[in-house]
Structures are given as structure tokens and as C-alpha cells.
Amino acid sequence: MLLLVACATDGRDPSFPIPEYTTAEPPYEPPRSDDPFPEEEDWIQLTSNEWLRGDFKYLRNQILEFKSKELKDKTFKWRKVKELRTPRVMSVVRADRTSIQGPVIVKNNTVVVREDEDRYLVFSREDLLGIVPGGDRWWQFWSGKLSYGLTARTGNTEQVDTTFQLKLRRRKPSSRFELDYVGNLVTANNEEIAQNQRLTTRYDRFIDQRLFVTPFSLELYRDPFQNIAVRATLQPGLGYFILNRGIDKGSADWDVSLLAGLRHTEFEGVAGDDDTATITLATQVDWDIT
């Protein structure tokens, strides 16, 4: 027998009405050790009734990323996913921006989150904003990539090109943080002929599935061979998804951003600094042709 308990709605944004209730028993049988879907695995079922086993990465902007042993990283439109089952602790964000932690089952347009051993929170799939792995383990929100490149040429001139790149990402259902660093060094006959470094970082906060704000974006650049000791550009701004493949049933993402701020430049070996107001209009298109 199900025990239903009404959840308080005090302080909730009335523009996001979310029917919900808690149960002493799960509406769906949770994964068991003798289940064909074992506890240590994440599973998704597509609308074609195909099952895929592996590691759930995230659900954001109606796009789900999933990694399997054979297929590697794959993305799916959320509407193409019929069922999601993960026994790991997830951070689930609803349309009213509240967050719940626990294992998740999404089935039959219903989201079930196990808050503890004896209580399950249930609400509509339409009110689900995003899911990322991790409860209190902060490191599960992070990913990164480190690369190093070396090109050597010999002949009349001995030239060596070196490139170092670092990418860090922090993805949560309601926000994203990105940090990129690129350093280039070119030497010819053991003398530097080019050197530059660029560090960019940006934080975006999602208001809904299309609108996002950028409290800050920062770029630091150094190129002594162009007399730039350091150039810092700080810009907050606002962005909007004109096309979102997860919502618009298309094959492209297209967003635009408007950023405004200040650029400060200190010159190499030259007295005086320069401060300039900046306005940047940026757009980005990601299109899967086939």
C-alpha cells in the first residue's frame, strides 16, 4: 500500500507548478542484484525499445550523453529516450530550480528519485530540467583534457613548435563553467621567435532551456613579441538559444551572446597602460550534417 504525503509549496515560484508526492514504496520496482539490469550499471531504453548499458554522463538542454563500452560517448535527444535507470546518486534539478539527490528512474513520463531508503520523490517528466551524476561528491561534476604537441623541423633552420592545451569543464543541470588554456612557443636555432599564452574562462547560468546569463567571462592574453605584457578582458553578458536540437526537433544548436565589459592592456617594455570599453556579439552554430 502506498503512503502519500502532500509536499509543502510555500515559497515556490507559482509559474512552475509541479505536482509531486512522496511514497513509502517506489512506484516502479528498483534495480536488484538479480535483476537483468544490475545495480552497478546505468541503463537507457530508446523509443525503438533498444537498451544501452554504460555510464550516464548528463542530461541538459534536452540532450542526454551516455558512454558505453563499445559505442563510446553518444548523445541522444531526450525525447528519443524512453526510460532511464541509474542506481548511482544523481543531482536532479526541476523546473522550479530546486535540486534533489538520489538514484533515478525515469519511466512512463514519470521521474522517481530515491531520497533515502524509505522515501521516493515522484514528479512529472515535463518538470525535469536536468540531471548530472554526483550528490555531495563535487568532483563528479568536473571533466578535463590535457594535450601537448611538438613539431620539429630540420634543415637550414632548426625550428621547434611547442603547444600546450588544458581544458576544464564543470557541468551542472543549471550552470556550466569552462576554462581553456593554450600556450605556444616557437624556437629557431635555439632562439625564441614566437611566444603567446591565452587563458579564457566563462560561467553561464541557465534561466530556462533557451535563455542563459553569463555573470562573467574573462580572457587573459600575453604575447611579448607583439609588445603585450598582459591583456585582460572582463565581460558579463546574456545569451539565447535560437535553435536547440533537444527542443526544436532539429539537428543544430545555434546560440547568440551579447557581452559588454572592460579591456585592460599592459605593454611590454613600453610605458603606459590602455583601458578600453568592449562590446562583443558572438554566435555559435553546431550542426550535425548527417
C-alpha atoms as a PDB file:
ATOM      1  CA  MET A   1       0.000   0.000   0.000  1.00  0.00           C
ATOM      2  CA  LEU A   2       1.302   3.429  -0.946  1.00  0.00           C
ATOM      3  CA  LEU A   3       1.524   6.122   1.670  1.00  0.00           C
ATOM      4  CA  LEU A   4       1.015   9.540   0.098  1.00  0.00           C
ATOM      5  CA  VAL A   5       2.235  12.694   1.776  1.00  0.00           C
ATOM      6  CA  ALA A   6       1.470  16.126   0.348  1.00  0.00           C
ATOM      7  CA  CYS A   7       4.565  18.244  -0.174  1.00  0.00           C
ATOM      8  CA  ALA A   8       4.596  21.840   1.002  1.00  0.00           C
ATOM      9  CA  THR A   9       4.627  24.515  -1.686  1.00  0.00           C
ATOM     10  CA  ASP A  10       5.468  27.551   0.416  1.00  0.00           C
ATOM     11  CA  GLY A  11       7.934  29.829  -1.317  1.00  0.00           C
ATOM     12  CA  ARG A  12       7.663  28.079  -4.680  1.00  0.00           C
ATOM     13  CA  ASP A  13       7.544  30.121  -7.835  1.00  0.00           C
ATOM     14  CA  PRO A  14       3.871  29.898  -8.960  1.00  0.00           C
ATOM     15  CA  SER A  15       4.976  29.984 -12.601  1.00  0.00           C
ATOM     16  CA  PHE A  16       6.392  26.481 -12.145  1.00  0.00           C
ATOM     17  CA  PRO A  17       3.567  24.340 -10.761  1.00  0.00           C
ATOM     18  CA  ILE A  18       4.981  20.878 -10.102  1.00  0.00           C
ATOM     19  CA  PRO A  19       2.685  18.066  -8.972  1.00  0.00           C
ATOM     20  CA  GLU A  20       4.688  15.814  -6.674  1.00  0.00           C
ATOM     21  CA  TYR A  21       4.306  13.363  -3.844  1.00  0.00           C
ATOM     22  CA  THR A  22       6.406  11.036  -1.748  1.00  0.00           C
ATOM     23  CA  THR A  23       5.834   7.337  -1.371  1.00  0.00           C
ATOM     24  CA  ALA A  24       6.954   4.800   1.202  1.00  0.00           C
ATOM     25  CA  GLU A  25       7.329   2.335  -1.679  1.00  0.00           C
ATOM     26  CA  PRO A  26       8.705   3.031  -5.161  1.00  0.00           C
ATOM     27  CA  PRO A  27       6.128   3.300  -7.974  1.00  0.00           C
ATOM     28  CA  TYR A  28       8.461   1.068 -10.030  1.00  0.00           C
ATOM     29  CA  GLU A  29      10.478  -1.845  -8.809  1.00  0.00           C
ATOM     30  CA  PRO A  30      14.048  -0.587  -8.291  1.00  0.00           C
ATOM     31  CA  PRO A  31      17.003  -2.481  -9.811  1.00  0.00           C
ATOM     32  CA  ARG A  32      18.055  -5.548  -7.794  1.00  0.00           C
ATOM     33  CA  SER A  33      21.159  -7.710  -7.824  1.00  0.00           C
ATOM     34  CA  ASP A  34      19.193 -10.491  -9.579  1.00  0.00           C
ATOM     35  CA  ASP A  35      17.616  -8.015 -11.997  1.00  0.00           C
ATOM     36  CA  PRO A  36      18.657  -8.301 -15.686  1.00  0.00           C
ATOM     37  CA  PHE A  37      19.741  -4.681 -15.174  1.00  0.00           C
ATOM     38  CA  PRO A  38      22.315  -4.991 -12.354  1.00  0.00           C
ATOM     39  CA  GLU A  39      22.724  -2.355  -9.698  1.00  0.00           C
ATOM     40  CA  GLU A  40      26.196  -1.226 -10.680  1.00  0.00           C
ATOM     41  CA  GLU A  41      25.182  -0.218 -14.223  1.00  0.00           C
ATOM     42  CA  ASP A  42      23.306   2.685 -15.791  1.00  0.00           C
ATOM     43  CA  TRP A  43      20.730   1.862 -18.466  1.00  0.00           C
ATOM     44  CA  ILE A  44      18.712   3.765 -21.040  1.00  0.00           C
ATOM     45  CA  GLN A  45      15.953   2.475 -23.300  1.00  0.00           C
ATOM     46  CA  LEU A  46      15.311   4.280 -26.573  1.00  0.00           C
ATOM     47  CA  THR A  47      11.896   4.779 -28.154  1.00  0.00           C
ATOM     48  CA  SER A  48      12.894   1.997 -30.567  1.00  0.00           C
ATOM     49  CA  ASN A  49      12.875  -0.302 -27.473  1.00  0.00           C
ATOM     50  CA  GLU A  50      16.656  -0.812 -27.693  1.00  0.00           C
ATOM     51  CA  TRP A  51      18.560  -0.923 -24.388  1.00  0.00           C
ATOM     52  CA  LEU A  52      22.017   0.559 -23.855  1.00  0.00           C
ATOM     53  CA  ARG A  53      24.233  -0.160 -20.824  1.00  0.00           C
ATOM     54  CA  GLY A  54      27.089   2.039 -19.634  1.00  0.00           C
ATOM     55  CA  ASP A  55      27.719   5.312 -17.787  1.00  0.00           C
ATOM     56  CA  PHE A  56      25.196   8.130 -17.741  1.00  0.00           C
ATOM     57  CA  LYS A  57      27.039  11.462 -18.195  1.00  0.00           C
ATOM     58  CA  TYR A  58      24.414  14.214 -18.041  1.00  0.00           C
ATOM     59  CA  LEU A  59      21.020  15.462 -19.175  1.00  0.00           C
ATOM     60  CA  ARG A  60      20.879  19.165 -20.015  1.00  0.00           C
ATOM     61  CA  ASN A  61      19.031  21.267 -22.599  1.00  0.00           C
ATOM     62  CA  GLN A  62      17.055  18.162 -23.608  1.00  0.00           C
ATOM     63  CA  ILE A  63      20.280  16.366 -24.623  1.00  0.00           C
ATOM     64  CA  LEU A  64      21.433  13.187 -22.865  1.00  0.00           C
ATOM     65  CA  GLU A  65      25.043  11.993 -23.057  1.00  0.00           C
ATOM     66  CA  PHE A  66      25.772   8.343 -22.425  1.00  0.00           C
ATOM     67  CA  LYS A  67      29.011   6.326 -22.622  1.00  0.00           C
ATOM     68  CA  SER A  68      29.029   2.620 -23.402  1.00  0.00           C
ATOM     69  CA  LYS A  69      31.961   0.249 -23.650  1.00  0.00           C
ATOM     70  CA  GLU A  70      31.515  -0.411 -27.374  1.00  0.00           C
ATOM     71  CA  LEU A  71      29.877   2.790 -28.671  1.00  0.00           C
ATOM     72  CA  LYS A  72      31.892   5.224 -26.502  1.00  0.00           C
ATOM     73  CA  ASP A  73      30.348   8.683 -25.935  1.00  0.00           C
ATOM     74  CA  LYS A  74      26.980   9.177 -27.586  1.00  0.00           C
ATOM     75  CA  THR A  75      24.375  11.934 -27.323  1.00  0.00           C
ATOM     76  CA  PHE A  76      20.628  11.411 -27.639  1.00  0.00           C
ATOM     77  CA  LYS A  77      17.717  13.779 -27.841  1.00  0.00           C
ATOM     78  CA  TRP A  78      15.799  13.406 -24.603  1.00  0.00           C
ATOM     79  CA  ARG A  79      12.526  12.738 -26.412  1.00  0.00           C
ATOM     80  CA  LYS A  80      14.193   9.680 -28.004  1.00  0.00           C
ATOM     81  CA  VAL A  81      14.909   8.181 -24.572  1.00  0.00           C
ATOM     82  CA  LYS A  82      12.017   6.111 -23.259  1.00  0.00           C
ATOM     83  CA  GLU A  83      13.483   5.049 -19.923  1.00  0.00           C
ATOM     84  CA  LEU A  84      16.483   5.891 -17.748  1.00  0.00           C
ATOM     85  CA  ARG A  85      17.645   3.782 -14.808  1.00  0.00           C
ATOM     86  CA  THR A  86      20.689   4.631 -12.704  1.00  0.00           C
ATOM     87  CA  PRO A  87      21.463   3.291  -9.220  1.00  0.00           C
ATOM     88  CA  ARG A  88      24.116   5.973  -8.651  1.00  0.00           C
ATOM     89  CA  VAL A  89      23.439   9.182  -6.752  1.00  0.00           C
ATOM     90  CA  MET A  90      22.366  11.915  -9.174  1.00  0.00           C
ATOM     91  CA  SER A  91      21.723  15.613  -8.788  1.00  0.00           C
ATOM     92  CA  VAL A  92      18.269  16.235 -10.266  1.00  0.00           C
ATOM     93  CA  VAL A  93      17.061  19.771 -10.995  1.00  0.00           C
ATOM     94  CA  ARG A  94      13.412  20.550 -11.620  1.00  0.00           C
ATOM     95  CA  ALA A  95      11.828  23.476 -13.450  1.00  0.00           C
ATOM     96  CA  ASP A  96      11.450  25.447 -10.210  1.00  0.00           C
ATOM     97  CA  ARG A  97      15.287  25.228  -9.847  1.00  0.00           C
ATOM     98  CA  THR A  98      15.112  23.010  -6.758  1.00  0.00           C
ATOM     99  CA  SER A  99      17.602  20.154  -6.582  1.00  0.00           C
ATOM    100  CA  ILE A 100      17.217  16.603  -5.264  1.00  0.00           C
ATOM    101  CA  GLN A 101      19.918  13.960  -4.810  1.00  0.00           C
ATOM    102  CA  GLY A 102      19.460  10.238  -5.217  1.00  0.00           C
ATOM    103  CA  PRO A 103      19.249   7.284  -7.637  1.00  0.00           C
ATOM    104  CA  VAL A 104      16.824   7.942 -10.504  1.00  0.00           C
ATOM    105  CA  ILE A 105      14.290   6.074 -12.610  1.00  0.00           C
ATOM    106  CA  VAL A 106      12.518   7.873 -15.472  1.00  0.00           C
ATOM    107  CA  LYS A 107       9.653   5.842 -16.933  1.00  0.00           C
ATOM    108  CA  ASN A 108       6.234   6.477 -18.446  1.00  0.00           C
ATOM    109  CA  ASN A 109       6.612  10.282 -18.229  1.00  0.00           C
ATOM    110  CA  THR A 110       7.339   9.990 -14.502  1.00  0.00           C
ATOM    111  CA  VAL A 111      10.547  10.771 -12.613  1.00  0.00           C
ATOM    112  CA  VAL A 112      11.290   8.841  -9.413  1.00  0.00           C
ATOM    113  CA  VAL A 113      14.150   9.894  -7.122  1.00  0.00           C
ATOM    114  CA  ARG A 114      15.034   7.799  -4.071  1.00  0.00           C
ATOM    115  CA  GLU A 115      15.748  10.389  -1.381  1.00  0.00           C
ATOM    116  CA  ASP A 116      16.518   7.734   1.253  1.00  0.00           C
ATOM    117  CA  GLU A 117      15.855   4.062   1.924  1.00  0.00           C
ATOM    118  CA  ASP A 118      12.197   4.616   2.827  1.00  0.00           C
ATOM    119  CA  ARG A 119      11.101   7.576   0.723  1.00  0.00           C
ATOM    120  CA  TYR A 120      10.782   8.244  -3.006  1.00  0.00           C
ATOM    121  CA  LEU A 121      10.018  11.608  -4.592  1.00  0.00           C
ATOM    122  CA  VAL A 122       7.831  11.433  -7.703  1.00  0.00           C
ATOM    123  CA  PHE A 123       7.075  14.184 -10.231  1.00  0.00           C
ATOM    124  CA  SER A 124       6.270  14.685 -13.910  1.00  0.00           C
ATOM    125  CA  ARG A 125       8.903  14.229 -16.600  1.00  0.00           C
ATOM    126  CA  GLU A 126       7.787  17.550 -18.109  1.00  0.00           C
ATOM    127  CA  ASP A 127       9.065  19.279 -14.971  1.00  0.00           C
ATOM    128  CA  LEU A 128      12.550  17.764 -15.229  1.00  0.00           C
ATOM    129  CA  LEU A 129      15.206  20.342 -16.124  1.00  0.00           C
ATOM    130  CA  GLY A 130      18.446  18.376 -15.886  1.00  0.00           C
ATOM    131  CA  ILE A 131      20.411  15.517 -14.310  1.00  0.00           C
ATOM    132  CA  VAL A 132      24.142  15.188 -13.618  1.00  0.00           C
ATOM    133  CA  PRO A 133      25.994  12.478 -11.676  1.00  0.00           C
ATOM    134  CA  GLY A 134      27.033  13.200  -8.113  1.00  0.00           C
ATOM    135  CA  GLY A 135      25.433  14.154  -4.878  1.00  0.00           C
ATOM    136  CA  ASP A 136      27.829  15.550  -2.316  1.00  0.00           C
ATOM    137  CA  ARG A 137      30.861  14.418  -4.343  1.00  0.00           C
ATOM    138  CA  TRP A 138      31.780  17.719  -6.011  1.00  0.00           C
ATOM    139  CA  TRP A 139      34.482  16.214  -8.220  1.00  0.00           C
ATOM    140  CA  GLN A 140      31.923  14.244 -10.254  1.00  0.00           C
ATOM    141  CA  PHE A 141      30.771  17.493 -11.871  1.00  0.00           C
ATOM    142  CA  TRP A 142      34.214  18.081 -13.408  1.00  0.00           C
ATOM    143  CA  SER A 143      35.870  16.832 -16.590  1.00  0.00           C
ATOM    144  CA  GLY A 144      39.068  17.839 -18.329  1.00  0.00           C
ATOM    145  CA  LYS A 145      41.537  17.293 -21.137  1.00  0.00           C
ATOM    146  CA  LEU A 146      45.289  17.880 -21.290  1.00  0.00           C
ATOM    147  CA  SER A 147      47.317  17.796 -24.519  1.00  0.00           C
ATOM    148  CA  TYR A 148      50.865  18.531 -25.607  1.00  0.00           C
ATOM    149  CA  GLY A 149      52.137  18.941 -29.167  1.00  0.00           C
ATOM    150  CA  LEU A 150      55.671  19.079 -30.526  1.00  0.00           C
ATOM    151  CA  THR A 151      56.748  19.703 -34.129  1.00  0.00           C
ATOM    152  CA  ALA A 152      60.429  19.719 -35.091  1.00  0.00           C
ATOM    153  CA  ARG A 153      61.856  20.806 -38.443  1.00  0.00           C
ATOM    154  CA  THR A 154      65.436  20.424 -39.562  1.00  0.00           C
ATOM    155  CA  GLY A 155      67.420  21.798 -42.471  1.00  0.00           C
ATOM    156  CA  ASN A 156      68.926  25.234 -42.933  1.00  0.00           C
ATOM    157  CA  THR A 157      66.917  26.253 -39.859  1.00  0.00           C
ATOM    158  CA  GLU A 158      66.339  24.125 -36.784  1.00  0.00           C
ATOM    159  CA  GLN A 159      62.794  25.020 -35.699  1.00  0.00           C
ATOM    160  CA  VAL A 160      60.699  23.559 -32.878  1.00  0.00           C
ATOM    161  CA  ASP A 161      56.999  24.390 -32.342  1.00  0.00           C
ATOM    162  CA  THR A 162      55.532  23.515 -28.942  1.00  0.00           C
ATOM    163  CA  THR A 163      51.855  23.690 -27.983  1.00  0.00           C
ATOM    164  CA  PHE A 164      50.271  23.044 -24.587  1.00  0.00           C
ATOM    165  CA  GLN A 165      46.481  22.910 -24.069  1.00  0.00           C
ATOM    166  CA  LEU A 166      44.311  22.457 -20.997  1.00  0.00           C
ATOM    167  CA  LYS A 167      40.509  22.233 -20.909  1.00  0.00           C
ATOM    168  CA  LEU A 168      38.394  22.049 -17.743  1.00  0.00           C
ATOM    169  CA  ARG A 169      34.605  21.782 -17.585  1.00  0.00           C
ATOM    170  CA  ARG A 170      32.165  21.842 -14.696  1.00  0.00           C
ATOM    171  CA  ARG A 171      28.676  20.810 -15.761  1.00  0.00           C
ATOM    172  CA  LYS A 172      25.627  21.046 -13.563  1.00  0.00           C
ATOM    173  CA  PRO A 173      21.980  20.940 -14.626  1.00  0.00           C
ATOM    174  CA  SER A 174      21.541  24.671 -14.042  1.00  0.00           C
ATOM    175  CA  SER A 175      25.015  26.007 -14.882  1.00  0.00           C
ATOM    176  CA  ARG A 176      28.291  25.406 -16.705  1.00  0.00           C
ATOM    177  CA  PHE A 177      31.858  26.574 -16.115  1.00  0.00           C
ATOM    178  CA  GLU A 178      34.622  26.394 -18.729  1.00  0.00           C
ATOM    179  CA  LEU A 179      38.341  27.092 -18.538  1.00  0.00           C
ATOM    180  CA  ASP A 180      40.684  26.863 -21.544  1.00  0.00           C
ATOM    181  CA  TYR A 181      44.408  27.496 -21.687  1.00  0.00           C
ATOM    182  CA  VAL A 182      46.613  27.485 -24.813  1.00  0.00           C
ATOM    183  CA  GLY A 183      50.347  28.170 -24.803  1.00  0.00           C
ATOM    184  CA  ASN A 184      52.531  28.330 -27.917  1.00  0.00           C
ATOM    185  CA  LEU A 185      56.321  28.543 -28.130  1.00  0.00           C
ATOM    186  CA  VAL A 186      58.396  28.598 -31.335  1.00  0.00           C
ATOM    187  CA  THR A 187      62.206  28.438 -31.355  1.00  0.00           C
ATOM    188  CA  ALA A 188      64.567  28.666 -34.322  1.00  0.00           C
ATOM    189  CA  ASN A 189      68.232  27.754 -33.882  1.00  0.00           C
ATOM    190  CA  ASN A 190      67.646  27.710 -30.101  1.00  0.00           C
ATOM    191  CA  GLU A 191      66.240  31.267 -30.062  1.00  0.00           C
ATOM    192  CA  GLU A 192      62.621  32.184 -29.311  1.00  0.00           C
ATOM    193  CA  ILE A 193      60.876  33.728 -32.309  1.00  0.00           C
ATOM    194  CA  ALA A 194      57.258  33.475 -31.073  1.00  0.00           C
ATOM    195  CA  GLN A 195      55.549  33.043 -27.724  1.00  0.00           C
ATOM    196  CA  ASN A 196      51.943  33.592 -26.689  1.00  0.00           C
ATOM    197  CA  GLN A 197      49.577  32.383 -23.996  1.00  0.00           C
ATOM    198  CA  ARG A 198      45.810  32.654 -23.725  1.00  0.00           C
ATOM    199  CA  LEU A 199      43.582  31.784 -20.762  1.00  0.00           C
ATOM    200  CA  THR A 200      39.799  32.042 -21.121  1.00  0.00           C
ATOM    201  CA  THR A 201      37.184  31.219 -18.522  1.00  0.00           C
ATOM    202  CA  ARG A 202      33.426  31.616 -18.537  1.00  0.00           C
ATOM    203  CA  TYR A 203      30.483  30.870 -16.262  1.00  0.00           C
ATOM    204  CA  ASP A 204      26.932  30.517 -17.600  1.00  0.00           C
ATOM    205  CA  ARG A 205      23.762  30.219 -15.568  1.00  0.00           C
ATOM    206  CA  PHE A 206      20.690  28.746 -17.316  1.00  0.00           C
ATOM    207  CA  ILE A 207      17.414  30.590 -16.762  1.00  0.00           C
ATOM    208  CA  ASP A 208      15.428  28.124 -18.855  1.00  0.00           C
ATOM    209  CA  GLN A 209      16.058  25.827 -21.809  1.00  0.00           C
ATOM    210  CA  ARG A 210      16.869  28.780 -24.115  1.00  0.00           C
ATOM    211  CA  LEU A 211      17.947  31.765 -22.033  1.00  0.00           C
ATOM    212  CA  PHE A 212      21.184  31.951 -20.033  1.00  0.00           C
ATOM    213  CA  VAL A 213      23.153  34.676 -18.296  1.00  0.00           C
ATOM    214  CA  THR A 214      26.932  34.996 -18.141  1.00  0.00           C
ATOM    215  CA  PRO A 215      27.888  36.642 -14.818  1.00  0.00           C
ATOM    216  CA  PHE A 216      31.478  36.800 -16.019  1.00  0.00           C
ATOM    217  CA  SER A 217      33.763  35.801 -18.851  1.00  0.00           C
ATOM    218  CA  LEU A 218      37.479  36.509 -18.551  1.00  0.00           C
ATOM    219  CA  GLU A 219      40.285  36.365 -21.099  1.00  0.00           C
ATOM    220  CA  LEU A 220      43.979  36.804 -20.262  1.00  0.00           C
ATOM    221  CA  TYR A 221      46.439  37.095 -23.148  1.00  0.00           C
ATOM    222  CA  ARG A 222      50.209  37.554 -23.309  1.00  0.00           C
ATOM    223  CA  ASP A 223      52.430  37.979 -26.380  1.00  0.00           C
ATOM    224  CA  PRO A 224      55.755  39.760 -25.698  1.00  0.00           C
ATOM    225  CA  PHE A 225      56.644  39.616 -29.391  1.00  0.00           C
ATOM    226  CA  GLN A 226      53.652  41.909 -30.037  1.00  0.00           C
ATOM    227  CA  ASN A 227      54.606  44.095 -27.037  1.00  0.00           C
ATOM    228  CA  ILE A 228      51.674  42.773 -24.976  1.00  0.00           C
ATOM    229  CA  ALA A 229      52.771  42.011 -21.438  1.00  0.00           C
ATOM    230  CA  VAL A 230      49.196  41.168 -20.410  1.00  0.00           C
ATOM    231  CA  ARG A 231      45.769  41.931 -21.835  1.00  0.00           C
ATOM    232  CA  ALA A 232      42.764  41.240 -19.606  1.00  0.00           C
ATOM    233  CA  THR A 233      39.168  41.363 -20.840  1.00  0.00           C
ATOM    234  CA  LEU A 234      36.302  41.016 -18.364  1.00  0.00           C
ATOM    235  CA  GLN A 235      32.777  40.793 -19.788  1.00  0.00           C
ATOM    236  CA  PRO A 236      29.421  39.766 -18.306  1.00  0.00           C
ATOM    237  CA  GLY A 237      26.542  39.194 -20.689  1.00  0.00           C
ATOM    238  CA  LEU A 238      23.373  37.424 -21.802  1.00  0.00           C
ATOM    239  CA  GLY A 239      22.766  34.556 -24.233  1.00  0.00           C
ATOM    240  CA  TYR A 240      19.904  32.862 -26.025  1.00  0.00           C
ATOM    241  CA  PHE A 241      19.479  29.606 -27.966  1.00  0.00           C
ATOM    242  CA  ILE A 242      17.777  30.433 -31.277  1.00  0.00           C
ATOM    243  CA  LEU A 243      17.838  26.737 -32.110  1.00  0.00           C
ATOM    244  CA  ASN A 244      18.074  23.935 -29.585  1.00  0.00           C
ATOM    245  CA  ARG A 245      18.157  20.464 -31.090  1.00  0.00           C
ATOM    246  CA  GLY A 246      16.621  18.959 -27.986  1.00  0.00           C
ATOM    247  CA  ILE A 247      13.576  21.255 -28.138  1.00  0.00           C
ATOM    248  CA  ASP A 248      13.145  22.123 -31.806  1.00  0.00           C
ATOM    249  CA  LYS A 249      13.440  18.587 -33.185  1.00  0.00           C
ATOM    250  CA  GLY A 250      16.301  19.610 -35.466  1.00  0.00           C
ATOM    251  CA  SER A 251      19.955  18.720 -35.968  1.00  0.00           C
ATOM    252  CA  ALA A 252      21.546  22.052 -34.965  1.00  0.00           C
ATOM    253  CA  ASP A 253      22.286  24.192 -31.920  1.00  0.00           C
ATOM    254  CA  TRP A 254      22.536  27.933 -32.538  1.00  0.00           C
ATOM    255  CA  ASP A 255      23.085  30.426 -29.745  1.00  0.00           C
ATOM    256  CA  VAL A 256      23.899  34.123 -29.635  1.00  0.00           C
ATOM    257  CA  SER A 257      25.554  36.079 -26.810  1.00  0.00           C
ATOM    258  CA  LEU A 258      25.941  39.764 -26.077  1.00  0.00           C
ATOM    259  CA  LEU A 259      28.837  40.630 -23.752  1.00  0.00           C
ATOM    260  CA  ALA A 260      29.982  44.037 -22.539  1.00  0.00           C
ATOM    261  CA  GLY A 261      32.882  44.977 -20.299  1.00  0.00           C
ATOM    262  CA  LEU A 262      36.371  46.409 -19.994  1.00  0.00           C
ATOM    263  CA  ARG A 263      39.732  45.532 -21.591  1.00  0.00           C
ATOM    264  CA  HIS A 264      42.959  46.457 -19.803  1.00  0.00           C
ATOM    265  CA  THR A 265      46.317  46.198 -21.628  1.00  0.00           C
ATOM    266  CA  GLU A 266      49.818  46.494 -20.203  1.00  0.00           C
ATOM    267  CA  PHE A 267      52.594  46.775 -22.784  1.00  0.00           C
ATOM    268  CA  GLU A 268      55.967  45.005 -22.840  1.00  0.00           C
ATOM    269  CA  GLY A 269      58.838  47.480 -22.396  1.00  0.00           C
ATOM    270  CA  VAL A 270      56.581  50.462 -23.143  1.00  0.00           C
ATOM    271  CA  ALA A 271      55.376  52.917 -20.512  1.00  0.00           C
ATOM    272  CA  GLY A 272      51.644  53.428 -20.046  1.00  0.00           C
ATOM    273  CA  ASP A 273      48.578  51.214 -19.963  1.00  0.00           C
ATOM    274  CA  ASP A 274      45.422  51.195 -22.040  1.00  0.00           C
ATOM    275  CA  ASP A 275      41.796  50.748 -20.884  1.00  0.00           C
ATOM    276  CA  THR A 276      39.036  50.230 -23.419  1.00  0.00           C
ATOM    277  CA  ALA A 277      35.325  49.520 -23.130  1.00  0.00           C
ATOM    278  CA  THR A 278      34.268  46.478 -25.131  1.00  0.00           C
ATOM    279  CA  ILE A 279      31.041  45.097 -26.585  1.00  0.00           C
ATOM    280  CA  THR A 280      31.090  41.630 -28.125  1.00  0.00           C
ATOM    281  CA  LEU A 281      28.324  39.992 -30.134  1.00  0.00           C
ATOM    282  CA  ALA A 282      29.069  36.305 -30.574  1.00  0.00           C
ATOM    283  CA  THR A 283      27.228  33.444 -32.212  1.00  0.00           C
ATOM    284  CA  GLN A 284      27.934  29.727 -32.373  1.00  0.00           C
ATOM    285  CA  VAL A 285      26.379  27.063 -34.594  1.00  0.00           C
ATOM    286  CA  ASP A 286      26.796  23.331 -34.071  1.00  0.00           C
ATOM    287  CA  TRP A 287      25.169  21.373 -36.915  1.00  0.00           C
ATOM    288  CA  ASP A 288      25.152  17.623 -37.497  1.00  0.00           C
ATOM    289  CA  ILE A 289      25.024  17.496 -41.303  1.00  0.00           C
ATOM    290  CA  THR A 290      24.308  13.774 -41.366  1.00  0.00           C
END
